[in-house]
Amino acid sequence: MEPGRRGAAALLALLCVACALRAGRAQYERYSFRSFPRDELMPLESAYRHALDKYSGEHWAESVGYLEISLRLHRLLRLFGGLLRRAHCLKRCKQGLPAFRQSQPSREVLADFQRREPYKFLQFAYFKANNLPKAIAAAHTFLLKHPDDEMMKRNMAYYKSLPGAEDYIKDLETKSYESLFIRAVRAYNGENWRTSITDMELALPDFFKAFYECLAACEGSREIKDFKDFYLSIADHYVEVLECKIQCEENLTPVIGGYPVEKFVATMYHYLQFAYYKLNDLKNAAPCAVSYLLFDQNDKVMQQNLVYYQYHRDTWGLSDEHFQPRPEAVQFFNVTTLQKELYDFAKENIMDDDEGEVVEYVDDLLELEETS
């Protein structure tokens, strides 16, 4: 078997392992599949392109309307991705709910929404439509993903010079786990350990839910741009999927004070282990410490904490099971690690293969055959 084909086959085998490891309040959340207004149902890509056309034509009110619709459709699409994991209901859902019958957007359009590009246009359209409160919120939402964007920083500096502007500075795409995390950290800083634990223990599963929904949304149809060996073609598709999946963790990491929270999942376990320790609950503190070390094995402070817990294990009635990482931490670590390994493997062995480009016209095909 050729190197490219062997690499593709190996990637497919590794993907089977990845499948075995996987587990089965924003601005625009008020609609569901059943209640989404019929007059707003359209392909996401069409709504977004139409909004940008209206924007280019300086039709600000229409641009605002279609940008808002596109954001609602994008939210609906994320929910759709999670629901499709129950594949047996797909046919029935498509027949019964119009929201399921819209064509899928391109990966490029989805990437725009992931980068919050619509808010760049939305803030200016709101400004031109004299809706300053929403313009301020849209500018702030965009800046959280693009803190170095000079034009938007100048816009925000202007907005902040206006009276009462601070009241409208909010993240329109904030996730519930972000709010829970911020509340937990505030309680932690105030030494309200029980409150901090309660909110952080809610933030963890909420983040994991968003993470696995993001992974599911990365899977879907693919536009075929070249003709390749079967294994290479399948592998290419999964390389695209992997490129999307390895960005999920980064894209879902909260940005607080203009900076993303470093090692977000590990950080939550760090807060938890110390809060549990302060309550003398070492049976919960120790697993959090071990979970943290999954993501940062060389952290000296946490290593010392674990030595302390081991030393006092008899005093606190700790057994070997208390020195195992929590199951959800192990699953997240395994999934993210394997995805990175698969992607690195693909880059090394499969990507940049130029076998067989698509030929669009018969003349091109004949010319290609004559020269080969």
Foldseek 3Di string as FASTA:
>chain_A
DDLQLVLLVVLVVLVVVLVVLDDLPFQQDPDAQARDDPVLQEELVVLQVVLVVCLVVLVLVSNLVSLSSSVNLLVRLLVVLSVCSVVVCLVVCVVPTVNSVYDHDDPVVVVCVLLLVSLVSNLVSCVVVVNLLSSQQSLLQNCLSVVPPVVSVVVNVVLVVDPPSVVSHDHNGDFPLVVLQVQLVVCVVVLVLVSNLVSLVVSQVSLVVQLVSQLSSLDDDDDDFFDDDPSLVVSVNVLSSLVSNLCSVVSSFGRDPSRGDPPRNLVSLVSNLVSCVVVVNLLSNQLSLLLSCLVPVPPPVSVVVNVVCVVCCVVSVHDPVSNHHDPVSVSVSVSSVSSVVSNVSCVVRRPPDPPGGDDDDPVVVVVVVVVD
